[in-house]
Amino acid sequence: MRKRHRKLIGAVVMIVFVGFYAMLAMTLAQGRVTELNTFWKTLWYCFLGLFWVVPLMPLIKWMERPDPGEEPPQVVPK
């Protein structure tokens, strides 16, 4: 599969995943989190706001894999 197709599939999967993750995060945030003090609420919301990246990292790596036969980009010193 070419990189272009992997990126299209990955983009669609990411959009769907983030939509479901947002619903889950909102559900979790409406639980007992509302009873916590401001410091713990802030930590919890930061955690929920950043955690979506962890399950998507393998997908992002798969999307960025080079095509078969494609040479990796050369780093040219200045």
PDB file of N, CA and C in Angstrom:
ATOM      1  N   MET A   1       0.855  -1.170   0.000  1.00  0.00           N
ATOM      2  CA  MET A   1       0.000   0.000   0.000  1.00  0.00           C
ATOM      3  C   MET A   1       0.903   1.235   0.000  1.00  0.00           C
ATOM      4  N   ARG A   2       0.563   2.182  -0.823  1.00  0.00           N
ATOM      5  CA  ARG A   2       1.365   3.395  -0.933  1.00  0.00           C
ATOM      6  C   ARG A   2       1.127   4.318   0.257  1.00  0.00           C
ATOM      7  N   LYS A   3       2.104   5.155   0.511  1.00  0.00           N
ATOM      8  CA  LYS A   3       2.042   6.081   1.634  1.00  0.00           C
ATOM      9  C   LYS A   3       0.825   7.001   1.532  1.00  0.00           C
ATOM     10  N   ARG A   4       0.508   7.399   0.324  1.00  0.00           N
ATOM     11  CA  ARG A   4      -0.639   8.284   0.113  1.00  0.00           C
ATOM     12  C   ARG A   4      -1.944   7.634   0.592  1.00  0.00           C
ATOM     13  N   HIS A   5      -2.124   6.352   0.302  1.00  0.00           N
ATOM     14  CA  HIS A   5      -3.332   5.636   0.728  1.00  0.00           C
ATOM     15  C   HIS A   5      -3.336   5.415   2.238  1.00  0.00           C
ATOM     16  N   ARG A   6      -2.147   5.110   2.794  1.00  0.00           N
ATOM     17  CA  ARG A   6      -2.067   4.922   4.242  1.00  0.00           C
ATOM     18  C   ARG A   6      -2.442   6.210   4.972  1.00  0.00           C
ATOM     19  N   LYS A   7      -2.011   7.352   4.451  1.00  0.00           N
ATOM     20  CA  LYS A   7      -2.340   8.630   5.094  1.00  0.00           C
ATOM     21  C   LYS A   7      -3.838   8.925   5.030  1.00  0.00           C
ATOM     22  N   LEU A   8      -4.470   8.600   3.910  1.00  0.00           N
ATOM     23  CA  LEU A   8      -5.915   8.812   3.805  1.00  0.00           C
ATOM     24  C   LEU A   8      -6.665   7.936   4.803  1.00  0.00           C
ATOM     25  N   ILE A   9      -6.325   6.654   4.844  1.00  0.00           N
ATOM     26  CA  ILE A   9      -6.981   5.736   5.779  1.00  0.00           C
ATOM     27  C   ILE A   9      -6.713   6.170   7.215  1.00  0.00           C
ATOM     28  N   GLY A  10      -5.459   6.523   7.510  1.00  0.00           N
ATOM     29  CA  GLY A  10      -5.103   6.950   8.858  1.00  0.00           C
ATOM     30  C   GLY A  10      -5.836   8.209   9.283  1.00  0.00           C
ATOM     31  N   ALA A  11      -5.993   9.156   8.380  1.00  0.00           N
ATOM     32  CA  ALA A  11      -6.704  10.395   8.712  1.00  0.00           C
ATOM     33  C   ALA A  11      -8.163  10.113   9.061  1.00  0.00           C
ATOM     34  N   VAL A  12      -8.809   9.247   8.290  1.00  0.00           N
ATOM     35  CA  VAL A  12     -10.212   8.905   8.570  1.00  0.00           C
ATOM     36  C   VAL A  12     -10.325   8.192   9.911  1.00  0.00           C
ATOM     37  N   VAL A  13      -9.419   7.237  10.163  1.00  0.00           N
ATOM     38  CA  VAL A  13      -9.455   6.502  11.437  1.00  0.00           C
ATOM     39  C   VAL A  13      -9.219   7.458  12.609  1.00  0.00           C
ATOM     40  N   MET A  14      -8.278   8.391  12.449  1.00  0.00           N
ATOM     41  CA  MET A  14      -8.010   9.347  13.536  1.00  0.00           C
ATOM     42  C   MET A  14      -9.215  10.224  13.832  1.00  0.00           C
ATOM     43  N   ILE A  15      -9.885  10.704  12.802  1.00  0.00           N
ATOM     44  CA  ILE A  15     -11.060  11.557  13.013  1.00  0.00           C
ATOM     45  C   ILE A  15     -12.156  10.800  13.743  1.00  0.00           C
ATOM     46  N   VAL A  16     -12.407   9.564  13.336  1.00  0.00           N
ATOM     47  CA  VAL A  16     -13.434   8.749  13.998  1.00  0.00           C
ATOM     48  C   VAL A  16     -13.026   8.459  15.444  1.00  0.00           C
ATOM     49  N   PHE A  17     -11.754   8.081  15.650  1.00  0.00           N
ATOM     50  CA  PHE A  17     -11.284   7.765  16.998  1.00  0.00           C
ATOM     51  C   PHE A  17     -11.393   8.974  17.922  1.00  0.00           C
ATOM     52  N   VAL A  18     -10.965  10.140  17.456  1.00  0.00           N
ATOM     53  CA  VAL A  18     -11.005  11.337  18.305  1.00  0.00           C
ATOM     54  C   VAL A  18     -12.453  11.694  18.646  1.00  0.00           C
ATOM     55  N   GLY A  19     -13.367  11.478  17.723  1.00  0.00           N
ATOM     56  CA  GLY A  19     -14.782  11.716  18.025  1.00  0.00           C
ATOM     57  C   GLY A  19     -15.286  10.825  19.143  1.00  0.00           C
ATOM     58  N   PHE A  20     -14.979   9.518  19.048  1.00  0.00           N
ATOM     59  CA  PHE A  20     -15.390   8.593  20.115  1.00  0.00           C
ATOM     60  C   PHE A  20     -14.656   8.887  21.420  1.00  0.00           C
ATOM     61  N   TYR A  21     -13.377   9.228  21.308  1.00  0.00           N
ATOM     62  CA  TYR A  21     -12.605   9.531  22.510  1.00  0.00           C
ATOM     63  C   TYR A  21     -13.156  10.773  23.213  1.00  0.00           C
ATOM     64  N   ALA A  22     -13.575  11.765  22.453  1.00  0.00           N
ATOM     65  CA  ALA A  22     -14.152  12.970  23.058  1.00  0.00           C
ATOM     66  C   ALA A  22     -15.422  12.629  23.829  1.00  0.00           C
ATOM     67  N   MET A  23     -16.246  11.749  23.266  1.00  0.00           N
ATOM     68  CA  MET A  23     -17.466  11.331  23.981  1.00  0.00           C
ATOM     69  C   MET A  23     -17.115  10.601  25.279  1.00  0.00           C
ATOM     70  N   LEU A  24     -16.119   9.713  25.207  1.00  0.00           N
ATOM     71  CA  LEU A  24     -15.691   8.987  26.397  1.00  0.00           C
ATOM     72  C   LEU A  24     -15.109   9.937  27.441  1.00  0.00           C
ATOM     73  N   ALA A  25     -14.288  10.886  27.011  1.00  0.00           N
ATOM     74  CA  ALA A  25     -13.683  11.840  27.942  1.00  0.00           C
ATOM     75  C   ALA A  25     -14.749  12.696  28.617  1.00  0.00           C
ATOM     76  N   MET A  26     -15.754  13.112  27.856  1.00  0.00           N
ATOM     77  CA  MET A  26     -16.836  13.904  28.458  1.00  0.00           C
ATOM     78  C   MET A  26     -17.608  13.078  29.478  1.00  0.00           C
ATOM     79  N   THR A  27     -17.821  11.807  29.172  1.00  0.00           N
ATOM     80  CA  THR A  27     -18.521  10.933  30.116  1.00  0.00           C
ATOM     81  C   THR A  27     -17.713  10.765  31.392  1.00  0.00           C
ATOM     82  N   LEU A  28     -16.414  10.534  31.249  1.00  0.00           N
ATOM     83  CA  LEU A  28     -15.559  10.381  32.431  1.00  0.00           C
ATOM     84  C   LEU A  28     -15.484  11.680  33.234  1.00  0.00           C
ATOM     85  N   ALA A  29     -15.477  12.804  32.573  1.00  0.00           N
ATOM     86  CA  ALA A  29     -15.362  14.089  33.261  1.00  0.00           C
ATOM     87  C   ALA A  29     -16.632  14.433  34.032  1.00  0.00           C
ATOM     88  N   GLN A  30     -17.755  13.846  33.688  1.00  0.00           N
ATOM     89  CA  GLN A  30     -19.006  14.146  34.391  1.00  0.00           C
ATOM     90  C   GLN A  30     -19.209  13.275  35.620  1.00  0.00           C
ATOM     91  N   GLY A  31     -18.305  12.358  35.874  1.00  0.00           N
ATOM     92  CA  GLY A  31     -18.418  11.470  37.037  1.00  0.00           C
ATOM     93  C   GLY A  31     -18.005  12.171  38.314  1.00  0.00           C
ATOM     94  N   ARG A  32     -17.240  11.483  39.119  1.00  0.00           N
ATOM     95  CA  ARG A  32     -16.813  12.027  40.407  1.00  0.00           C
ATOM     96  C   ARG A  32     -15.755  13.116  40.285  1.00  0.00           C
ATOM     97  N   VAL A  33     -15.283  13.338  39.079  1.00  0.00           N
ATOM     98  CA  VAL A  33     -14.277  14.392  38.873  1.00  0.00           C
ATOM     99  C   VAL A  33     -14.836  15.748  39.276  1.00  0.00           C
ATOM    100  N   THR A  34     -16.107  15.948  39.124  1.00  0.00           N
ATOM    101  CA  THR A  34     -16.716  17.242  39.458  1.00  0.00           C
ATOM    102  C   THR A  34     -16.627  17.533  40.954  1.00  0.00           C
ATOM    103  N   GLU A  35     -16.424  16.502  41.781  1.00  0.00           N
ATOM    104  CA  GLU A  35     -16.334  16.683  43.225  1.00  0.00           C
ATOM    105  C   GLU A  35     -14.916  16.991  43.702  1.00  0.00           C
ATOM    106  N   LEU A  36     -13.927  16.856  42.824  1.00  0.00           N
ATOM    107  CA  LEU A  36     -12.533  17.093  43.209  1.00  0.00           C
ATOM    108  C   LEU A  36     -12.243  18.586  43.309  1.00  0.00           C
ATOM    109  N   ASN A  37     -11.125  18.897  43.995  1.00  0.00           N
ATOM    110  CA  ASN A  37     -10.742  20.306  44.052  1.00  0.00           C
ATOM    111  C   ASN A  37     -10.119  20.718  42.721  1.00  0.00           C
ATOM    112  N   THR A  38      -9.864  21.989  42.558  1.00  0.00           N
ATOM    113  CA  THR A  38      -9.444  22.550  41.275  1.00  0.00           C
ATOM    114  C   THR A  38      -8.127  21.959  40.775  1.00  0.00           C
ATOM    115  N   PHE A  39      -7.170  21.733  41.662  1.00  0.00           N
ATOM    116  CA  PHE A  39      -5.875  21.186  41.261  1.00  0.00           C
ATOM    117  C   PHE A  39      -6.045  19.815  40.614  1.00  0.00           C
ATOM    118  N   TRP A  40      -6.772  18.920  41.262  1.00  0.00           N
ATOM    119  CA  TRP A  40      -6.934  17.557  40.733  1.00  0.00           C
ATOM    120  C   TRP A  40      -7.790  17.545  39.473  1.00  0.00           C
ATOM    121  N   LYS A  41      -8.769  18.429  39.414  1.00  0.00           N
ATOM    122  CA  LYS A  41      -9.560  18.549  38.183  1.00  0.00           C
ATOM    123  C   LYS A  41      -8.673  18.962  37.014  1.00  0.00           C
ATOM    124  N   THR A  42      -7.814  19.932  37.251  1.00  0.00           N
ATOM    125  CA  THR A  42      -6.921  20.403  36.195  1.00  0.00           C
ATOM    126  C   THR A  42      -6.013  19.281  35.719  1.00  0.00           C
ATOM    127  N   LEU A  43      -5.424  18.527  36.645  1.00  0.00           N
ATOM    128  CA  LEU A  43      -4.580  17.388  36.259  1.00  0.00           C
ATOM    129  C   LEU A  43      -5.368  16.356  35.464  1.00  0.00           C
ATOM    130  N   TRP A  44      -6.569  16.058  35.908  1.00  0.00           N
ATOM    131  CA  TRP A  44      -7.403  15.060  35.228  1.00  0.00           C
ATOM    132  C   TRP A  44      -7.749  15.518  33.813  1.00  0.00           C
ATOM    133  N   TYR A  45      -8.126  16.775  33.656  1.00  0.00           N
ATOM    134  CA  TYR A  45      -8.476  17.280  32.327  1.00  0.00           C
ATOM    135  C   TYR A  45      -7.254  17.338  31.417  1.00  0.00           C
ATOM    136  N   CYS A  46      -6.088  17.672  31.961  1.00  0.00           N
ATOM    137  CA  CYS A  46      -4.857  17.646  31.148  1.00  0.00           C
ATOM    138  C   CYS A  46      -4.548  16.220  30.699  1.00  0.00           C
ATOM    139  N   PHE A  47      -4.697  15.267  31.602  1.00  0.00           N
ATOM    140  CA  PHE A  47      -4.472  13.866  31.254  1.00  0.00           C
ATOM    141  C   PHE A  47      -5.434  13.422  30.156  1.00  0.00           C
ATOM    142  N   LEU A  48      -6.710  13.696  30.323  1.00  0.00           N
ATOM    143  CA  LEU A  48      -7.691  13.304  29.304  1.00  0.00           C
ATOM    144  C   LEU A  48      -7.443  14.017  27.980  1.00  0.00           C
ATOM    145  N   GLY A  49      -6.994  15.252  28.052  1.00  0.00           N
ATOM    146  CA  GLY A  49      -6.764  16.014  26.838  1.00  0.00           C
ATOM    147  C   GLY A  49      -5.553  15.564  26.046  1.00  0.00           C
ATOM    148  N   LEU A  50      -4.598  14.927  26.696  1.00  0.00           N
ATOM    149  CA  LEU A  50      -3.379  14.486  26.018  1.00  0.00           C
ATOM    150  C   LEU A  50      -3.314  12.984  25.770  1.00  0.00           C
ATOM    151  N   PHE A  51      -4.105  12.192  26.473  1.00  0.00           N
ATOM    152  CA  PHE A  51      -3.988  10.736  26.408  1.00  0.00           C
ATOM    153  C   PHE A  51      -4.400  10.153  25.057  1.00  0.00           C
ATOM    154  N   TRP A  52      -5.197  10.865  24.271  1.00  0.00           N
ATOM    155  CA  TRP A  52      -5.653  10.330  22.985  1.00  0.00           C
ATOM    156  C   TRP A  52      -4.492  10.039  22.044  1.00  0.00           C
ATOM    157  N   VAL A  53      -3.346  10.677  22.275  1.00  0.00           N
ATOM    158  CA  VAL A  53      -2.189  10.479  21.396  1.00  0.00           C
ATOM    159  C   VAL A  53      -1.612   9.073  21.564  1.00  0.00           C
ATOM    160  N   VAL A  54      -1.639   8.532  22.770  1.00  0.00           N
ATOM    161  CA  VAL A  54      -0.997   7.242  23.056  1.00  0.00           C
ATOM    162  C   VAL A  54      -1.554   6.113  22.185  1.00  0.00           C
ATOM    163  N   PRO A  55      -2.859   5.897  22.096  1.00  0.00           N
ATOM    164  CA  PRO A  55      -3.334   4.798  21.246  1.00  0.00           C
ATOM    165  C   PRO A  55      -3.153   5.052  19.752  1.00  0.00           C
ATOM    166  N   LEU A  56      -2.970   6.311  19.352  1.00  0.00           N
ATOM    167  CA  LEU A  56      -2.813   6.611  17.926  1.00  0.00           C
ATOM    168  C   LEU A  56      -1.369   6.577  17.442  1.00  0.00           C
ATOM    169  N   MET A  57      -0.399   6.476  18.333  1.00  0.00           N
ATOM    170  CA  MET A  57       1.004   6.466  17.910  1.00  0.00           C
ATOM    171  C   MET A  57       1.341   5.323  16.946  1.00  0.00           C
ATOM    172  N   PRO A  58       0.886   4.084  17.177  1.00  0.00           N
ATOM    173  CA  PRO A  58       1.177   3.038  16.182  1.00  0.00           C
ATOM    174  C   PRO A  58       0.575   3.348  14.812  1.00  0.00           C
ATOM    175  N   LEU A  59      -0.588   3.941  14.787  1.00  0.00           N
ATOM    176  CA  LEU A  59      -1.214   4.322  13.518  1.00  0.00           C
ATOM    177  C   LEU A  59      -0.395   5.396  12.806  1.00  0.00           C
ATOM    178  N   ILE A  60       0.087   6.372  13.555  1.00  0.00           N
ATOM    179  CA  ILE A  60       0.888   7.444  12.958  1.00  0.00           C
ATOM    180  C   ILE A  60       2.197   6.877  12.410  1.00  0.00           C
ATOM    181  N   LYS A  61       2.827   5.973  13.142  1.00  0.00           N
ATOM    182  CA  LYS A  61       4.056   5.338  12.653  1.00  0.00           C
ATOM    183  C   LYS A  61       3.786   4.542  11.385  1.00  0.00           C
ATOM    184  N   TRP A  62       2.656   3.844  11.338  1.00  0.00           N
ATOM    185  CA  TRP A  62       2.292   3.077  10.147  1.00  0.00           C
ATOM    186  C   TRP A  62       2.066   4.005   8.955  1.00  0.00           C
ATOM    187  N   MET A  63       1.426   5.133   9.193  1.00  0.00           N
ATOM    188  CA  MET A  63       1.155   6.089   8.120  1.00  0.00           C
ATOM    189  C   MET A  63       2.447   6.672   7.547  1.00  0.00           C
ATOM    190  N   GLU A  64       3.443   6.891   8.382  1.00  0.00           N
ATOM    191  CA  GLU A  64       4.676   7.548   7.958  1.00  0.00           C
ATOM    192  C   GLU A  64       5.737   6.589   7.435  1.00  0.00           C
ATOM    193  N   ARG A  65       5.437   5.305   7.443  1.00  0.00           N
ATOM    194  CA  ARG A  65       6.399   4.327   6.934  1.00  0.00           C
ATOM    195  C   ARG A  65       6.669   4.604   5.459  1.00  0.00           C
ATOM    196  N   PRO A  66       7.936   4.527   5.013  1.00  0.00           N
ATOM    197  CA  PRO A  66       8.224   4.814   3.597  1.00  0.00           C
ATOM    198  C   PRO A  66       7.672   3.720   2.685  1.00  0.00           C
ATOM    199  N   ASP A  67       7.395   4.117   1.434  1.00  0.00           N
ATOM    200  CA  ASP A  67       6.943   3.153   0.432  1.00  0.00           C
ATOM    201  C   ASP A  67       8.050   2.160   0.131  1.00  0.00           C
ATOM    202  N   PRO A  68       7.692   0.940  -0.296  1.00  0.00           N
ATOM    203  CA  PRO A  68       8.729  -0.022  -0.690  1.00  0.00           C
ATOM    204  C   PRO A  68       9.558   0.553  -1.844  1.00  0.00           C
ATOM    205  N   GLY A  69      10.866   0.475  -1.718  1.00  0.00           N
ATOM    206  CA  GLY A  69      11.743   0.985  -2.753  1.00  0.00           C
ATOM    207  C   GLY A  69      12.057   2.462  -2.623  1.00  0.00           C
ATOM    208  N   GLU A  70      11.408   3.150  -1.726  1.00  0.00           N
ATOM    209  CA  GLU A  70      11.653   4.580  -1.533  1.00  0.00           C
ATOM    210  C   GLU A  70      12.853   4.755  -0.611  1.00  0.00           C
ATOM    211  N   GLU A  71      13.751   5.629  -1.000  1.00  0.00           N
ATOM    212  CA  GLU A  71      14.917   5.885  -0.177  1.00  0.00           C
ATOM    213  C   GLU A  71      14.557   6.882   0.915  1.00  0.00           C
ATOM    214  N   PRO A  72      15.131   6.680   2.118  1.00  0.00           N
ATOM    215  CA  PRO A  72      14.875   7.669   3.177  1.00  0.00           C
ATOM    216  C   PRO A  72      15.503   9.008   2.787  1.00  0.00           C
ATOM    217  N   PRO A  73      14.920  10.115   3.254  1.00  0.00           N
ATOM    218  CA  PRO A  73      15.463  11.430   2.909  1.00  0.00           C
ATOM    219  C   PRO A  73      16.883  11.601   3.437  1.00  0.00           C
ATOM    220  N   GLN A  74      17.725  12.224   2.626  1.00  0.00           N
ATOM    221  CA  GLN A  74      19.114  12.474   2.996  1.00  0.00           C
ATOM    222  C   GLN A  74      19.209  13.791   3.769  1.00  0.00           C
ATOM    223  N   VAL A  75      19.987  13.765   4.825  1.00  0.00           N
ATOM    224  CA  VAL A  75      20.236  14.979   5.600  1.00  0.00           C
ATOM    225  C   VAL A  75      21.500  15.604   5.054  1.00  0.00           C
ATOM    226  N   VAL A  76      21.365  16.817   4.550  1.00  0.00           N
ATOM    227  CA  VAL A  76      22.502  17.516   3.948  1.00  0.00           C
ATOM    228  C   VAL A  76      23.072  18.486   4.963  1.00  0.00           C
ATOM    229  N   PRO A  77      24.364  18.336   5.326  1.00  0.00           N
ATOM    230  CA  PRO A  77      24.947  19.292   6.286  1.00  0.00           C
ATOM    231  C   PRO A  77      25.105  20.662   5.648  1.00  0.00           C
ATOM    232  N   LYS A  78      25.003  21.700   6.459  1.00  0.00           N
ATOM    233  CA  LYS A  78      25.119  23.078   5.957  1.00  0.00           C
ATOM    234  C   LYS A  78      26.554  23.526   5.915  1.00  0.00           C
TER     235      LYS A  78
END
